[in-house]
Amino acid sequence: MAVGASSGAAEDLTQVPAAPPPPGVIPDFQNPDNYKQANVILHSVVLSASTIAVLIRIYTRNFITRSMGTDDWFAILSWALALEFSIVMAYGEMDIPVASSLIPG
């Protein structure tokens, strides 16, 4: 049976977490742990450093050596995936009810 699935009766989606919590953790929708500020600061610092490194690499390879290689495109792809991961990590999912992601506003 899927996580959060019930047998027959309709579920109250305001009481089902958007992602399953780790074993032994009970989701708290009223007062969730909030590490968002520290998480955003950490990811901002790391992304700033990686953005500068990727920009220097691309500038050097594109304008100085005039040869972009496959590794450069993978560096850009890796940076984009790190950016996406950081955005996703800014929002924890185990303390967010499913209903909030289904109902806009």
N, C-alpha and C. Protein backbone atom coordinates (compact mmCIF):
# COMPACT_ATOMS: atom_id res chain seq x y z
N MET A 1 0.85 -1.17 0.00
CA MET A 1 0.00 0.00 0.00
C MET A 1 0.89 1.23 0.00
N ALA A 2 0.52 2.26 -0.75
CA ALA A 2 1.32 3.48 -0.86
C ALA A 2 1.29 4.26 0.44
N VAL A 3 2.33 5.06 0.63
CA VAL A 3 2.40 5.90 1.83
C VAL A 3 1.26 6.89 1.79
N GLY A 4 0.50 6.98 2.86
CA GLY A 4 -0.61 7.92 2.95
C GLY A 4 -1.89 7.41 2.33
N ALA A 5 -1.86 6.20 1.75
CA ALA A 5 -3.08 5.67 1.14
C ALA A 5 -3.92 4.97 2.19
N SER A 6 -5.21 5.13 2.08
CA SER A 6 -6.10 4.48 3.03
C SER A 6 -6.91 3.42 2.32
N SER A 7 -7.54 2.58 3.08
CA SER A 7 -8.32 1.51 2.48
C SER A 7 -9.78 1.92 2.42
N GLY A 8 -10.19 2.53 1.34
CA GLY A 8 -11.59 2.82 1.11
C GLY A 8 -12.02 4.24 1.39
N ALA A 9 -11.99 4.70 2.64
CA ALA A 9 -12.53 6.01 3.02
C ALA A 9 -11.66 7.13 2.45
N ALA A 10 -12.31 8.27 2.14
CA ALA A 10 -11.58 9.43 1.64
C ALA A 10 -10.70 9.99 2.74
N GLU A 11 -9.50 10.39 2.37
CA GLU A 11 -8.54 10.92 3.34
C GLU A 11 -8.62 12.43 3.40
N ASP A 12 -8.29 12.96 4.56
CA ASP A 12 -8.17 14.40 4.73
C ASP A 12 -6.75 14.78 4.31
N LEU A 13 -6.61 15.38 3.11
CA LEU A 13 -5.29 15.68 2.57
C LEU A 13 -4.56 16.77 3.34
N THR A 14 -5.24 17.42 4.27
CA THR A 14 -4.54 18.40 5.10
C THR A 14 -3.75 17.72 6.21
N GLN A 15 -3.93 16.41 6.36
CA GLN A 15 -3.22 15.66 7.40
C GLN A 15 -2.26 14.63 6.82
N VAL A 16 -2.00 14.67 5.50
CA VAL A 16 -1.08 13.75 4.84
C VAL A 16 0.13 14.55 4.39
N PRO A 17 1.36 14.15 4.79
CA PRO A 17 2.55 14.90 4.36
C PRO A 17 2.79 14.78 2.87
N ALA A 18 3.37 15.82 2.26
CA ALA A 18 3.68 15.81 0.84
C ALA A 18 4.78 14.81 0.52
N ALA A 19 5.65 14.53 1.46
CA ALA A 19 6.70 13.51 1.31
C ALA A 19 6.73 12.71 2.60
N PRO A 20 7.06 11.42 2.51
CA PRO A 20 7.08 10.63 3.74
C PRO A 20 8.20 11.07 4.68
N PRO A 21 7.91 11.20 5.97
CA PRO A 21 8.96 11.59 6.93
C PRO A 21 9.89 10.42 7.20
N PRO A 22 11.08 10.69 7.72
CA PRO A 22 12.00 9.61 8.09
C PRO A 22 11.37 8.75 9.19
N PRO A 23 11.85 7.52 9.35
CA PRO A 23 11.31 6.66 10.40
C PRO A 23 11.41 7.31 11.78
N GLY A 24 10.33 7.24 12.55
CA GLY A 24 10.31 7.79 13.89
C GLY A 24 9.96 9.26 13.97
N VAL A 25 9.77 9.93 12.83
CA VAL A 25 9.45 11.36 12.82
C VAL A 25 7.97 11.53 12.52
N ILE A 26 7.30 12.32 13.33
CA ILE A 26 5.87 12.60 13.13
C ILE A 26 5.75 14.00 12.55
N PRO A 27 5.09 14.13 11.38
CA PRO A 27 4.94 15.47 10.78
C PRO A 27 4.16 16.41 11.70
N ASP A 28 4.62 17.65 11.78
CA ASP A 28 3.96 18.66 12.59
C ASP A 28 3.56 19.80 11.66
N PHE A 29 2.28 19.83 11.26
CA PHE A 29 1.82 20.82 10.30
C PHE A 29 1.56 22.19 10.94
N GLN A 30 1.31 22.24 12.26
CA GLN A 30 1.03 23.51 12.93
C GLN A 30 2.32 24.27 13.26
N ASN A 31 3.34 23.59 13.76
CA ASN A 31 4.60 24.22 14.15
C ASN A 31 5.79 23.43 13.60
N PRO A 32 6.00 23.45 12.30
CA PRO A 32 7.12 22.67 11.74
C PRO A 32 8.46 23.28 12.13
N ASP A 33 9.49 22.43 12.19
CA ASP A 33 10.85 22.93 12.40
C ASP A 33 11.17 23.87 11.26
N ASN A 34 11.82 24.98 11.57
CA ASN A 34 12.10 25.95 10.53
C ASN A 34 13.59 26.25 10.47
N TYR A 35 14.25 25.58 9.55
CA TYR A 35 15.67 25.83 9.29
C TYR A 35 15.82 26.55 7.96
N LYS A 36 14.73 27.12 7.49
CA LYS A 36 14.73 27.73 6.17
C LYS A 36 15.75 28.86 6.04
N GLN A 37 15.82 29.72 7.05
CA GLN A 37 16.73 30.86 6.96
C GLN A 37 18.18 30.39 6.86
N ALA A 38 18.57 29.47 7.72
CA ALA A 38 19.95 28.95 7.68
C ALA A 38 20.21 28.22 6.36
N ASN A 39 19.20 27.48 5.88
CA ASN A 39 19.34 26.75 4.63
C ASN A 39 19.50 27.70 3.45
N VAL A 40 18.70 28.75 3.42
CA VAL A 40 18.79 29.73 2.33
C VAL A 40 20.14 30.44 2.35
N ILE A 41 20.63 30.79 3.53
CA ILE A 41 21.94 31.45 3.65
C ILE A 41 23.05 30.53 3.15
N LEU A 42 23.03 29.28 3.61
CA LEU A 42 24.06 28.32 3.20
C LEU A 42 24.05 28.13 1.68
N HIS A 43 22.88 27.88 1.12
CA HIS A 43 22.80 27.66 -0.32
C HIS A 43 23.15 28.91 -1.11
N SER A 44 22.83 30.08 -0.59
CA SER A 44 23.18 31.33 -1.28
C SER A 44 24.69 31.51 -1.36
N VAL A 45 25.37 31.23 -0.26
CA VAL A 45 26.83 31.36 -0.23
C VAL A 45 27.48 30.37 -1.19
N VAL A 46 27.06 29.11 -1.11
CA VAL A 46 27.65 28.08 -1.96
C VAL A 46 27.33 28.34 -3.44
N LEU A 47 26.09 28.72 -3.73
CA LEU A 47 25.73 29.00 -5.12
C LEU A 47 26.46 30.23 -5.67
N SER A 48 26.68 31.22 -4.82
CA SER A 48 27.44 32.40 -5.27
C SER A 48 28.85 32.01 -5.67
N ALA A 49 29.50 31.20 -4.83
CA ALA A 49 30.87 30.76 -5.13
C ALA A 49 30.90 29.90 -6.39
N SER A 50 29.94 28.98 -6.52
CA SER A 50 29.95 28.11 -7.70
C SER A 50 29.58 28.89 -8.96
N THR A 51 28.71 29.89 -8.84
CA THR A 51 28.36 30.71 -9.99
C THR A 51 29.58 31.48 -10.48
N ILE A 52 30.34 32.05 -9.57
CA ILE A 52 31.56 32.78 -9.94
C ILE A 52 32.54 31.84 -10.62
N ALA A 53 32.72 30.63 -10.06
CA ALA A 53 33.66 29.67 -10.64
C ALA A 53 33.22 29.25 -12.05
N VAL A 54 31.93 29.00 -12.24
CA VAL A 54 31.45 28.58 -13.56
C VAL A 54 31.56 29.74 -14.55
N LEU A 55 31.23 30.94 -14.12
CA LEU A 55 31.34 32.10 -15.02
C LEU A 55 32.79 32.35 -15.44
N ILE A 56 33.74 32.23 -14.51
CA ILE A 56 35.16 32.40 -14.86
C ILE A 56 35.58 31.31 -15.84
N ARG A 57 35.14 30.08 -15.59
CA ARG A 57 35.48 28.97 -16.48
C ARG A 57 34.93 29.22 -17.89
N ILE A 58 33.67 29.60 -17.98
CA ILE A 58 33.04 29.82 -19.29
C ILE A 58 33.69 31.01 -20.00
N TYR A 59 33.96 32.08 -19.26
CA TYR A 59 34.63 33.24 -19.86
C TYR A 59 35.99 32.84 -20.41
N THR A 60 36.75 32.11 -19.60
CA THR A 60 38.09 31.70 -20.03
C THR A 60 38.03 30.81 -21.26
N ARG A 61 37.16 29.81 -21.20
CA ARG A 61 37.08 28.86 -22.32
C ARG A 61 36.48 29.48 -23.57
N ASN A 62 35.53 30.39 -23.42
CA ASN A 62 34.84 30.94 -24.58
C ASN A 62 35.58 32.12 -25.21
N PHE A 63 36.14 32.99 -24.38
CA PHE A 63 36.74 34.22 -24.91
C PHE A 63 38.26 34.21 -24.97
N ILE A 64 38.91 33.41 -24.15
CA ILE A 64 40.38 33.40 -24.17
C ILE A 64 40.90 32.25 -25.02
N THR A 65 40.47 31.03 -24.73
CA THR A 65 40.95 29.89 -25.53
C THR A 65 40.08 29.63 -26.75
N ARG A 66 38.89 30.23 -26.80
CA ARG A 66 37.94 30.10 -27.91
C ARG A 66 37.60 28.65 -28.24
N SER A 67 37.47 27.82 -27.19
CA SER A 67 37.06 26.42 -27.43
C SER A 67 36.28 25.91 -26.23
N MET A 68 34.98 25.80 -26.43
CA MET A 68 34.12 25.23 -25.39
C MET A 68 34.08 23.72 -25.62
N GLY A 69 34.38 22.98 -24.56
CA GLY A 69 34.37 21.53 -24.67
C GLY A 69 33.16 20.93 -23.99
N THR A 70 33.04 19.61 -24.12
CA THR A 70 31.95 18.89 -23.49
C THR A 70 31.96 19.08 -21.98
N ASP A 71 33.15 19.11 -21.41
CA ASP A 71 33.26 19.29 -19.96
C ASP A 71 32.70 20.64 -19.52
N ASP A 72 32.80 21.65 -20.36
CA ASP A 72 32.25 22.96 -20.03
C ASP A 72 30.72 22.92 -20.01
N TRP A 73 30.14 22.22 -20.97
CA TRP A 73 28.69 22.09 -21.00
C TRP A 73 28.21 21.28 -19.80
N PHE A 74 28.98 20.28 -19.39
CA PHE A 74 28.61 19.52 -18.19
C PHE A 74 28.75 20.39 -16.93
N ALA A 75 29.70 21.30 -16.92
CA ALA A 75 29.84 22.23 -15.78
C ALA A 75 28.61 23.14 -15.70
N ILE A 76 28.13 23.61 -16.84
CA ILE A 76 26.93 24.44 -16.86
C ILE A 76 25.71 23.63 -16.41
N LEU A 77 25.60 22.40 -16.91
CA LEU A 77 24.50 21.53 -16.51
C LEU A 77 24.55 21.24 -15.01
N SER A 78 25.73 20.95 -14.49
CA SER A 78 25.87 20.68 -13.05
C SER A 78 25.49 21.90 -12.22
N TRP A 79 25.89 23.08 -12.67
CA TRP A 79 25.53 24.30 -11.95
C TRP A 79 24.02 24.49 -11.95
N ALA A 80 23.37 24.24 -13.10
CA ALA A 80 21.91 24.40 -13.20
C ALA A 80 21.20 23.40 -12.28
N LEU A 81 21.70 22.17 -12.22
CA LEU A 81 21.10 21.17 -11.33
C LEU A 81 21.31 21.54 -9.86
N ALA A 82 22.47 22.09 -9.54
CA ALA A 82 22.72 22.54 -8.16
C ALA A 82 21.78 23.69 -7.80
N LEU A 83 21.54 24.58 -8.74
CA LEU A 83 20.60 25.68 -8.51
C LEU A 83 19.20 25.14 -8.25
N GLU A 84 18.77 24.19 -9.06
CA GLU A 84 17.44 23.58 -8.89
C GLU A 84 17.35 22.88 -7.54
N PHE A 85 18.38 22.14 -7.17
CA PHE A 85 18.39 21.44 -5.88
C PHE A 85 18.29 22.42 -4.72
N SER A 86 19.01 23.52 -4.82
CA SER A 86 18.97 24.52 -3.76
C SER A 86 17.59 25.14 -3.62
N ILE A 87 16.92 25.36 -4.73
CA ILE A 87 15.57 25.91 -4.68
C ILE A 87 14.63 24.91 -4.02
N VAL A 88 14.75 23.63 -4.38
CA VAL A 88 13.90 22.61 -3.80
C VAL A 88 14.19 22.46 -2.30
N MET A 89 15.44 22.54 -1.90
CA MET A 89 15.81 22.39 -0.49
C MET A 89 15.35 23.56 0.37
N ALA A 90 15.03 24.68 -0.26
CA ALA A 90 14.53 25.82 0.51
C ALA A 90 13.14 25.53 1.07
N TYR A 91 12.48 24.52 0.53
CA TYR A 91 11.14 24.16 0.98
C TYR A 91 11.15 22.70 1.41
N GLY A 92 11.05 22.44 2.72
CA GLY A 92 10.96 21.07 3.20
C GLY A 92 9.59 20.51 2.86
N GLU A 93 9.49 19.22 2.57
CA GLU A 93 8.21 18.67 2.17
C GLU A 93 7.55 17.81 3.22
N MET A 94 8.27 17.36 4.24
CA MET A 94 7.63 16.43 5.17
C MET A 94 6.70 17.15 6.15
N ASP A 95 6.83 18.45 6.32
CA ASP A 95 5.93 19.19 7.19
C ASP A 95 4.95 20.05 6.40
N ILE A 96 4.78 19.72 5.12
CA ILE A 96 3.82 20.41 4.27
C ILE A 96 2.72 19.42 3.91
N PRO A 97 1.46 19.72 4.21
CA PRO A 97 0.40 18.79 3.85
C PRO A 97 0.18 18.73 2.34
N VAL A 98 -0.26 17.58 1.85
CA VAL A 98 -0.51 17.39 0.42
C VAL A 98 -1.49 18.42 -0.09
N ALA A 99 -2.52 18.74 0.69
CA ALA A 99 -3.56 19.67 0.25
C ALA A 99 -2.97 21.03 -0.12
N SER A 100 -1.92 21.47 0.55
CA SER A 100 -1.35 22.79 0.24
C SER A 100 -0.66 22.80 -1.12
N SER A 101 -0.21 21.65 -1.60
CA SER A 101 0.40 21.61 -2.91
C SER A 101 -0.62 21.37 -4.01
N LEU A 102 -1.82 20.93 -3.65
CA LEU A 102 -2.87 20.68 -4.63
C LEU A 102 -3.81 21.85 -4.79
N ILE A 103 -3.99 22.62 -3.73
CA ILE A 103 -4.94 23.73 -3.75
C ILE A 103 -4.17 25.04 -3.83
N PRO A 104 -4.28 25.78 -4.95
CA PRO A 104 -3.54 27.03 -5.07
C PRO A 104 -4.05 28.09 -4.08
N GLY A 105 -3.11 28.95 -3.70
CA GLY A 105 -3.49 30.05 -2.83
C GLY A 105 -3.30 29.71 -1.43
